[in-house]
PDB file of N, CA and C in Angstrom:
ATOM      1  N   UNK A   1      -6.012   7.928   6.990  1.00  0.00           N
ATOM      2  CA  UNK A   1      -4.940   7.480   5.828  1.00  0.00           C
ATOM      3  C   UNK A   1      -5.214   8.030   4.233  1.00  0.00           C
ATOM      4  N   UNK A   2      -4.144   8.550   3.362  1.00  0.00           N
ATOM      5  CA  UNK A   2      -4.210   9.048   1.927  1.00  0.00           C
ATOM      6  C   UNK A   2      -4.308   7.783   1.251  1.00  0.00           C
ATOM      7  N   UNK A   3      -5.294   8.190   0.135  1.00  0.00           N
ATOM      8  CA  UNK A   3      -4.654   7.476  -1.165  1.00  0.00           C
ATOM      9  C   UNK A   3      -3.251   8.091  -2.346  1.00  0.00           C
ATOM     10  N   UNK A   4      -2.660   7.099  -2.434  1.00  0.00           N
ATOM     11  CA  UNK A   4      -1.499   8.060  -3.396  1.00  0.00           C
ATOM     12  C   UNK A   4      -1.771   6.947  -4.643  1.00  0.00           C
ATOM     13  N   UNK A   5      -2.041   7.691  -5.638  1.00  0.00           N
ATOM     14  CA  UNK A   5      -1.830   7.308  -7.219  1.00  0.00           C
ATOM     15  C   UNK A   5      -0.790   7.915  -7.556  1.00  0.00           C
ATOM     16  N   UNK A   6      -0.199   6.806  -7.933  1.00  0.00           N
ATOM     17  CA  UNK A   6       1.177   7.254  -8.907  1.00  0.00           C
ATOM     18  C   UNK A   6       0.892   7.886  -9.830  1.00  0.00           C
ATOM     19  N   UNK A   7       0.488   8.849 -10.748  1.00  0.00           N
ATOM     20  CA  UNK A   7       0.535   9.843 -11.877  1.00  0.00           C
ATOM     21  C   UNK A   7       0.453  10.926 -10.783  1.00  0.00           C
ATOM     22  N   UNK A   8       0.196  11.056  -9.635  1.00  0.00           N
ATOM     23  CA  UNK A   8      -0.255  12.608  -8.899  1.00  0.00           C
ATOM     24  C   UNK A   8       0.235  12.935  -8.125  1.00  0.00           C
ATOM     25  N   UNK A   9       1.120  11.515  -7.676  1.00  0.00           N
ATOM     26  CA  UNK A   9       1.763  11.619  -6.487  1.00  0.00           C
ATOM     27  C   UNK A   9       3.441  12.569  -6.756  1.00  0.00           C
ATOM     28  N   UNK A  10       3.577  13.667  -5.608  1.00  0.00           N
ATOM     29  CA  UNK A  10       4.636  13.780  -5.070  1.00  0.00           C
ATOM     30  C   UNK A  10       5.477  12.750  -5.625  1.00  0.00           C
ATOM     31  N   UNK A  11       5.893  11.878  -5.323  1.00  0.00           N
ATOM     32  CA  UNK A  11       6.624  10.935  -5.657  1.00  0.00           C
ATOM     33  C   UNK A  11       6.497  10.145  -7.040  1.00  0.00           C
ATOM     34  N   UNK A  12       7.635  10.025  -7.630  1.00  0.00           N
ATOM     35  CA  UNK A  12       7.819   9.666  -9.004  1.00  0.00           C
ATOM     36  C   UNK A  12       7.666   8.214  -9.083  1.00  0.00           C
ATOM     37  N   UNK A  13       7.019   8.024  -9.755  1.00  0.00           N
ATOM     38  CA  UNK A  13       6.159   6.104 -10.169  1.00  0.00           C
ATOM     39  C   UNK A  13       7.342   5.369 -10.159  1.00  0.00           C
ATOM     40  N   UNK A  14       8.780   5.692 -10.613  1.00  0.00           N
ATOM     41  CA  UNK A  14       9.307   4.406  -9.929  1.00  0.00           C
ATOM     42  C   UNK A  14      10.554   4.892  -8.730  1.00  0.00           C
ATOM     43  N   UNK A  15      10.467   5.635  -8.559  1.00  0.00           N
ATOM     44  CA  UNK A  15       9.958   5.860  -6.583  1.00  0.00           C
ATOM     45  C   UNK A  15       9.849   5.005  -5.745  1.00  0.00           C
ATOM     46  N   UNK A  16       8.306   5.087  -6.605  1.00  0.00           N
ATOM     47  CA  UNK A  16       6.989   4.778  -5.349  1.00  0.00           C
ATOM     48  C   UNK A  16       7.204   3.282  -5.472  1.00  0.00           C
ATOM     49  N   UNK A  17       7.229   2.569  -6.756  1.00  0.00           N
ATOM     50  CA  UNK A  17       7.514   0.778  -7.267  1.00  0.00           C
ATOM     51  C   UNK A  17       9.166   0.565  -6.003  1.00  0.00           C
ATOM     52  N   UNK A  18      10.111   0.901  -6.341  1.00  0.00           N
ATOM     53  CA  UNK A  18      11.082   1.331  -5.428  1.00  0.00           C
ATOM     54  C   UNK A  18      11.149   1.210  -3.787  1.00  0.00           C
ATOM     55  N   UNK A  19       9.953   2.177  -3.638  1.00  0.00           N
ATOM     56  CA  UNK A  19       9.716   2.361  -2.145  1.00  0.00           C
ATOM     57  C   UNK A  19       9.361   1.082  -1.950  1.00  0.00           C
ATOM     58  N   UNK A  20       7.844   0.692  -2.206  1.00  0.00           N
ATOM     59  CA  UNK A  20       6.764   0.011  -2.000  1.00  0.00           C
ATOM     60  C   UNK A  20       7.788  -1.309  -1.854  1.00  0.00           C
ATOM     61  N   UNK A  21       8.496  -1.509  -2.535  1.00  0.00           N
ATOM     62  CA  UNK A  21       9.521  -3.331  -2.861  1.00  0.00           C
ATOM     63  C   UNK A  21       8.611  -3.919  -3.824  1.00  0.00           C
ATOM     64  N   UNK A  22       8.285  -3.515  -4.888  1.00  0.00           N
ATOM     65  CA  UNK A  22       7.461  -4.238  -6.247  1.00  0.00           C
ATOM     66  C   UNK A  22       8.282  -4.181  -7.331  1.00  0.00           C
ATOM     67  N   UNK A  23       9.651  -3.670  -7.520  1.00  0.00           N
ATOM     68  CA  UNK A  23      10.349  -3.544  -8.967  1.00  0.00           C
ATOM     69  C   UNK A  23      10.784  -5.115  -9.330  1.00  0.00           C
ATOM     70  N   UNK A  24      11.110  -5.260 -10.531  1.00  0.00           N
ATOM     71  CA  UNK A  24      11.531  -6.551 -10.853  1.00  0.00           C
ATOM     72  C   UNK A  24      12.731  -6.225 -12.355  1.00  0.00           C
ATOM     73  N   UNK A  25      13.694  -5.742 -11.677  1.00  0.00           N
ATOM     74  CA  UNK A  25      14.580  -5.242 -12.956  1.00  0.00           C
ATOM     75  C   UNK A  25      14.052  -4.517 -13.366  1.00  0.00           C
ATOM     76  N   UNK A  26      14.006  -3.861 -15.147  1.00  0.00           N
ATOM     77  CA  UNK A  26      13.563  -2.611 -15.546  1.00  0.00           C
ATOM     78  C   UNK A  26      12.079  -2.365 -15.205  1.00  0.00           C
ATOM     79  N   UNK A  27      11.579  -3.438 -15.073  1.00  0.00           N
ATOM     80  CA  UNK A  27       9.576  -3.184 -15.098  1.00  0.00           C
ATOM     81  C   UNK A  27       9.926  -3.478 -12.962  1.00  0.00           C
ATOM     82  N   UNK A  28       8.023  -3.379 -12.872  1.00  0.00           N
ATOM     83  CA  UNK A  28       7.191  -3.672 -12.159  1.00  0.00           C
ATOM     84  C   UNK A  28       6.784  -4.681 -11.780  1.00  0.00           C
ATOM     85  N   UNK A  29       6.848  -5.535 -10.684  1.00  0.00           N
ATOM     86  CA  UNK A  29       5.377  -6.272 -10.179  1.00  0.00           C
ATOM     87  C   UNK A  29       4.044  -6.110 -10.354  1.00  0.00           C
ATOM     88  N   UNK A  30       3.643  -6.587 -11.123  1.00  0.00           N
ATOM     89  CA  UNK A  30       2.061  -6.332 -10.927  1.00  0.00           C
ATOM     90  C   UNK A  30       1.469  -6.602  -9.438  1.00  0.00           C
ATOM     91  N   UNK A  31       1.037  -5.358  -8.557  1.00  0.00           N
ATOM     92  CA  UNK A  31       0.520  -5.494  -7.242  1.00  0.00           C
ATOM     93  C   UNK A  31      -0.096  -4.470  -6.893  1.00  0.00           C
ATOM     94  N   UNK A  32      -0.110  -4.235  -5.654  1.00  0.00           N
ATOM     95  CA  UNK A  32      -0.692  -3.026  -5.084  1.00  0.00           C
ATOM     96  C   UNK A  32      -0.168  -3.118  -3.925  1.00  0.00           C
ATOM     97  N   UNK A  33      -0.138  -2.196  -2.862  1.00  0.00           N
ATOM     98  CA  UNK A  33       0.252  -2.002  -1.477  1.00  0.00           C
ATOM     99  C   UNK A  33      -0.541  -0.724  -0.905  1.00  0.00           C
ATOM    100  N   UNK A  34      -0.351  -0.294   0.145  1.00  0.00           N
ATOM    101  CA  UNK A  34      -0.501   1.091   1.015  1.00  0.00           C
ATOM    102  C   UNK A  34       0.599   1.360   1.825  1.00  0.00           C
ATOM    103  N   UNK A  35       0.457   2.787   1.444  1.00  0.00           N
ATOM    104  CA  UNK A  35       1.668   3.318   2.428  1.00  0.00           C
ATOM    105  C   UNK A  35       1.040   3.918   3.626  1.00  0.00           C
ATOM    106  N   UNK A  36       1.720   4.483   4.604  1.00  0.00           N
ATOM    107  CA  UNK A  36       0.682   5.566   5.676  1.00  0.00           C
ATOM    108  C   UNK A  36       1.769   6.772   5.156  1.00  0.00           C
ATOM    109  N   UNK A  37       1.169   7.792   5.923  1.00  0.00           N
ATOM    110  CA  UNK A  37       1.115   9.231   5.546  1.00  0.00           C
ATOM    111  C   UNK A  37       2.678   9.659   6.100  1.00  0.00           C
ATOM    112  N   UNK A  38       3.376   9.088   6.504  1.00  0.00           N
ATOM    113  CA  UNK A  38       4.542   8.955   6.489  1.00  0.00           C
ATOM    114  C   UNK A  38       5.465   8.020   5.673  1.00  0.00           C
ATOM    115  N   UNK A  39       5.066   7.444   4.460  1.00  0.00           N
ATOM    116  CA  UNK A  39       5.726   7.299   3.669  1.00  0.00           C
ATOM    117  C   UNK A  39       6.092   5.822   4.104  1.00  0.00           C
ATOM    118  N   UNK A  40       5.386   4.817   4.775  1.00  0.00           N
ATOM    119  CA  UNK A  40       5.869   3.820   5.631  1.00  0.00           C
ATOM    120  C   UNK A  40       5.213   2.455   4.697  1.00  0.00           C
ATOM    121  N   UNK A  41       5.506   1.185   4.458  1.00  0.00           N
ATOM    122  CA  UNK A  41       5.081   0.647   3.169  1.00  0.00           C
ATOM    123  C   UNK A  41       4.090  -0.062   5.192  1.00  0.00           C
ATOM    124  N   UNK A  42       2.484  -0.708   4.657  1.00  0.00           N
ATOM    125  CA  UNK A  42       1.889  -0.661   5.820  1.00  0.00           C
ATOM    126  C   UNK A  42       1.076  -2.131   4.952  1.00  0.00           C
ATOM    127  N   UNK A  43       1.523  -2.738   3.897  1.00  0.00           N
ATOM    128  CA  UNK A  43       0.888  -3.985   3.327  1.00  0.00           C
ATOM    129  C   UNK A  43       1.307  -3.822   1.638  1.00  0.00           C
ATOM    130  N   UNK A  44       1.717  -4.814   1.572  1.00  0.00           N
ATOM    131  CA  UNK A  44       1.809  -4.860  -0.544  1.00  0.00           C
ATOM    132  C   UNK A  44       1.851  -6.050  -0.925  1.00  0.00           C
ATOM    133  N   UNK A  45       1.130  -6.285  -1.868  1.00  0.00           N
ATOM    134  CA  UNK A  45       1.196  -7.403  -2.454  1.00  0.00           C
ATOM    135  C   UNK A  45       1.395  -7.718  -4.299  1.00  0.00           C
ATOM    136  N   UNK A  46       2.314  -8.292  -4.845  1.00  0.00           N
ATOM    137  CA  UNK A  46       2.788  -8.663  -5.622  1.00  0.00           C
ATOM    138  C   UNK A  46       1.320  -9.863  -6.337  1.00  0.00           C
ATOM    139  N   UNK A  47       0.416  -9.380  -7.170  1.00  0.00           N
ATOM    140  CA  UNK A  47      -0.208  -9.901  -8.201  1.00  0.00           C
ATOM    141  C   UNK A  47      -0.629  -9.507  -9.222  1.00  0.00           C
ATOM    142  N   UNK A  48      -0.276 -10.399 -10.247  1.00  0.00           N
ATOM    143  CA  UNK A  48      -0.625 -10.084 -11.505  1.00  0.00           C
ATOM    144  C   UNK A  48      -1.856 -10.422 -12.018  1.00  0.00           C
ATOM    145  N   UNK A  49      -2.867 -10.705 -11.325  1.00  0.00           N
ATOM    146  CA  UNK A  49      -4.259 -10.682 -11.345  1.00  0.00           C
ATOM    147  C   UNK A  49      -5.109  -9.802 -10.926  1.00  0.00           C
ATOM    148  N   UNK A  50      -4.223  -9.593  -9.998  1.00  0.00           N
ATOM    149  CA  UNK A  50      -5.406  -8.169  -9.111  1.00  0.00           C
ATOM    150  C   UNK A  50      -6.838  -7.433  -9.386  1.00  0.00           C
ATOM    151  N   UNK A  51      -6.690  -7.330 -10.846  1.00  0.00           N
ATOM    152  CA  UNK A  51      -7.724  -6.589 -11.544  1.00  0.00           C
ATOM    153  C   UNK A  51      -8.667  -7.933 -11.656  1.00  0.00           C
ATOM    154  N   UNK A  52      -8.192  -9.601 -11.967  1.00  0.00           N
ATOM    155  CA  UNK A  52      -9.801 -10.238 -12.105  1.00  0.00           C
ATOM    156  C   UNK A  52     -10.003 -10.905 -11.185  1.00  0.00           C
ATOM    157  N   UNK A  53      -9.498 -10.604 -10.297  1.00  0.00           N
ATOM    158  CA  UNK A  53      -9.751 -10.716  -8.821  1.00  0.00           C
ATOM    159  C   UNK A  53     -10.365  -9.501  -7.621  1.00  0.00           C
ATOM    160  N   UNK A  54     -10.566  -8.529  -9.086  1.00  0.00           N
ATOM    161  CA  UNK A  54     -10.851  -7.163  -7.687  1.00  0.00           C
ATOM    162  C   UNK A  54     -11.566  -7.470  -6.725  1.00  0.00           C
ATOM    163  N   UNK A  55     -12.745  -8.497  -6.384  1.00  0.00           N
ATOM    164  CA  UNK A  55     -13.174  -8.658  -5.180  1.00  0.00           C
ATOM    165  C   UNK A  55     -12.213  -9.435  -3.865  1.00  0.00           C
ATOM    166  N   UNK A  56     -12.066 -10.545  -4.313  1.00  0.00           N
ATOM    167  CA  UNK A  56     -10.513 -10.548  -3.615  1.00  0.00           C
ATOM    168  C   UNK A  56      -9.239  -9.283  -2.745  1.00  0.00           C
ATOM    169  N   UNK A  57      -9.208  -8.778  -3.882  1.00  0.00           N
ATOM    170  CA  UNK A  57      -8.302  -7.455  -3.769  1.00  0.00           C
ATOM    171  C   UNK A  57      -9.261  -6.698  -2.983  1.00  0.00           C
ATOM    172  N   UNK A  58     -10.399  -6.185  -2.612  1.00  0.00           N
ATOM    173  CA  UNK A  58     -11.065  -5.145  -2.516  1.00  0.00           C
ATOM    174  C   UNK A  58     -10.971  -5.804  -0.653  1.00  0.00           C
ATOM    175  N   UNK A  59     -11.006  -7.063  -0.467  1.00  0.00           N
ATOM    176  CA  UNK A  59     -11.321  -7.075   0.843  1.00  0.00           C
ATOM    177  C   UNK A  59      -9.592  -7.531   1.300  1.00  0.00           C
ATOM    178  N   UNK A  60      -8.344  -7.998   0.848  1.00  0.00           N
ATOM    179  CA  UNK A  60      -7.986  -7.578   1.262  1.00  0.00           C
ATOM    180  C   UNK A  60      -7.090  -5.961   1.692  1.00  0.00           C
ATOM    181  N   UNK A  61      -7.478  -5.169   0.921  1.00  0.00           N
ATOM    182  CA  UNK A  61      -6.877  -3.692   1.039  1.00  0.00           C
ATOM    183  C   UNK A  61      -8.281  -3.474   2.584  1.00  0.00           C
ATOM    184  N   UNK A  62      -9.137  -3.354   2.575  1.00  0.00           N
ATOM    185  CA  UNK A  62      -9.874  -3.219   3.331  1.00  0.00           C
ATOM    186  C   UNK A  62      -9.491  -4.086   5.132  1.00  0.00           C
ATOM    187  N   UNK A  63      -9.035  -5.608   5.232  1.00  0.00           N
ATOM    188  CA  UNK A  63      -8.367  -5.931   5.907  1.00  0.00           C
ATOM    189  C   UNK A  63      -7.043  -5.232   6.365  1.00  0.00           C
ATOM    190  N   UNK A  64      -6.600  -5.168   5.472  1.00  0.00           N
ATOM    191  CA  UNK A  64      -4.841  -4.239   5.766  1.00  0.00           C
ATOM    192  C   UNK A  64      -5.385  -3.030   6.153  1.00  0.00           C
ATOM    193  N   UNK A  65      -6.436  -2.166   5.611  1.00  0.00           N
ATOM    194  CA  UNK A  65      -6.214  -1.448   6.253  1.00  0.00           C
ATOM    195  C   UNK A  65      -6.999  -0.645   7.538  1.00  0.00           C
ATOM    196  N   UNK A  66      -7.940  -1.579   7.892  1.00  0.00           N
ATOM    197  CA  UNK A  66      -8.521  -2.088   9.050  1.00  0.00           C
ATOM    198  C   UNK A  66      -7.417  -2.141  10.551  1.00  0.00           C
ATOM    199  N   UNK A  67      -6.588  -3.475   9.610  1.00  0.00           N
ATOM    200  CA  UNK A  67      -5.661  -4.103  10.990  1.00  0.00           C
ATOM    201  C   UNK A  67      -4.829  -2.448  10.937  1.00  0.00           C
ATOM    202  N   UNK A  68      -4.639  -1.607  10.214  1.00  0.00           N
ATOM    203  CA  UNK A  68      -3.275  -0.539  10.114  1.00  0.00           C
ATOM    204  C   UNK A  68      -3.782   0.408  10.973  1.00  0.00           C
ATOM    205  N   UNK A  69      -5.351   1.191  10.902  1.00  0.00           N
ATOM    206  CA  UNK A  69      -6.253   1.764  11.764  1.00  0.00           C
ATOM    207  C   UNK A  69      -6.009   1.388  12.906  1.00  0.00           C
ATOM    208  N   UNK A  70      -6.449  -0.214  13.352  1.00  0.00           N
ATOM    209  CA  UNK A  70      -6.810  -0.845  14.896  1.00  0.00           C
ATOM    210  C   UNK A  70      -5.357  -0.534  15.460  1.00  0.00           C
ATOM    211  N   UNK A  71      -3.836  -0.543  14.778  1.00  0.00           N
ATOM    212  CA  UNK A  71      -2.718  -0.928  15.921  1.00  0.00           C
ATOM    213  C   UNK A  71      -3.033   0.910  15.498  1.00  0.00           C
ATOM    214  N   UNK A  72      -2.386   1.436  14.518  1.00  0.00           N
ATOM    215  CA  UNK A  72      -2.741   3.607  14.466  1.00  0.00           C
ATOM    216  C   UNK A  72      -3.435   3.788  16.118  1.00  0.00           C
ATOM    217  N   UNK A  73      -4.765   3.411  16.054  1.00  0.00           N
ATOM    218  CA  UNK A  73      -5.034   3.882  17.312  1.00  0.00           C
ATOM    219  C   UNK A  73      -4.523   3.488  19.077  1.00  0.00           C
ATOM    220  N   UNK A  74      -4.281   2.446  18.675  1.00  0.00           N
ATOM    221  CA  UNK A  74      -4.059   1.287  19.886  1.00  0.00           C
ATOM    222  C   UNK A  74      -2.808   2.187  20.521  1.00  0.00           C
ATOM    223  N   UNK A  75      -1.721   2.401  19.419  1.00  0.00           N
ATOM    224  CA  UNK A  75      -0.366   3.075  19.529  1.00  0.00           C
ATOM    225  C   UNK A  75      -0.485   4.596  20.222  1.00  0.00           C
ATOM    226  N   UNK A  76      -1.894   5.239  19.902  1.00  0.00           N
ATOM    227  CA  UNK A  76      -2.218   6.777  20.629  1.00  0.00           C
ATOM    228  C   UNK A  76      -2.313   6.982  21.324  1.00  0.00           C
ATOM    229  N   UNK A  77      -3.670   5.491  21.995  1.00  0.00           N
ATOM    230  CA  UNK A  77      -3.898   5.670  23.534  1.00  0.00           C
ATOM    231  C   UNK A  77      -3.456   5.343  24.399  1.00  0.00           C
ATOM    232  N   UNK A  78      -2.030   4.835  24.134  1.00  0.00           N
ATOM    233  CA  UNK A  78      -1.250   4.806  24.760  1.00  0.00           C
ATOM    234  C   UNK A  78       0.205   5.027  25.062  1.00  0.00           C
ATOM    235  N   UNK A  79       0.263   6.572  24.763  1.00  0.00           N
ATOM    236  CA  UNK A  79       1.352   7.626  24.683  1.00  0.00           C
ATOM    237  C   UNK A  79       1.083   8.001  25.907  1.00  0.00           C
ATOM    238  N   UNK A  80       2.132   8.015  26.480  1.00  0.00           N
ATOM    239  CA  UNK A  80       1.917   8.971  27.709  1.00  0.00           C
ATOM    240  C   UNK A  80       1.896   9.998  27.807  1.00  0.00           C
TER     241      UNK A  80
END
């Protein structure tokens, strides 16, 4: 899984915000998410306090990353 940082991504920031589903009118919700290598949104959450709750944020990201990897590895093993 690759990390996508808005300012260094080939996807422009607004397109990324829209793609993740965190657009709120002319601005974006404060939040974070995970996108897989094909551009599929794996996980997202709007949380204006994600920085203040960094321990909780890291735990959620780790949990969702692990869940995604486990799901992907099961799909690879079951392919004919």
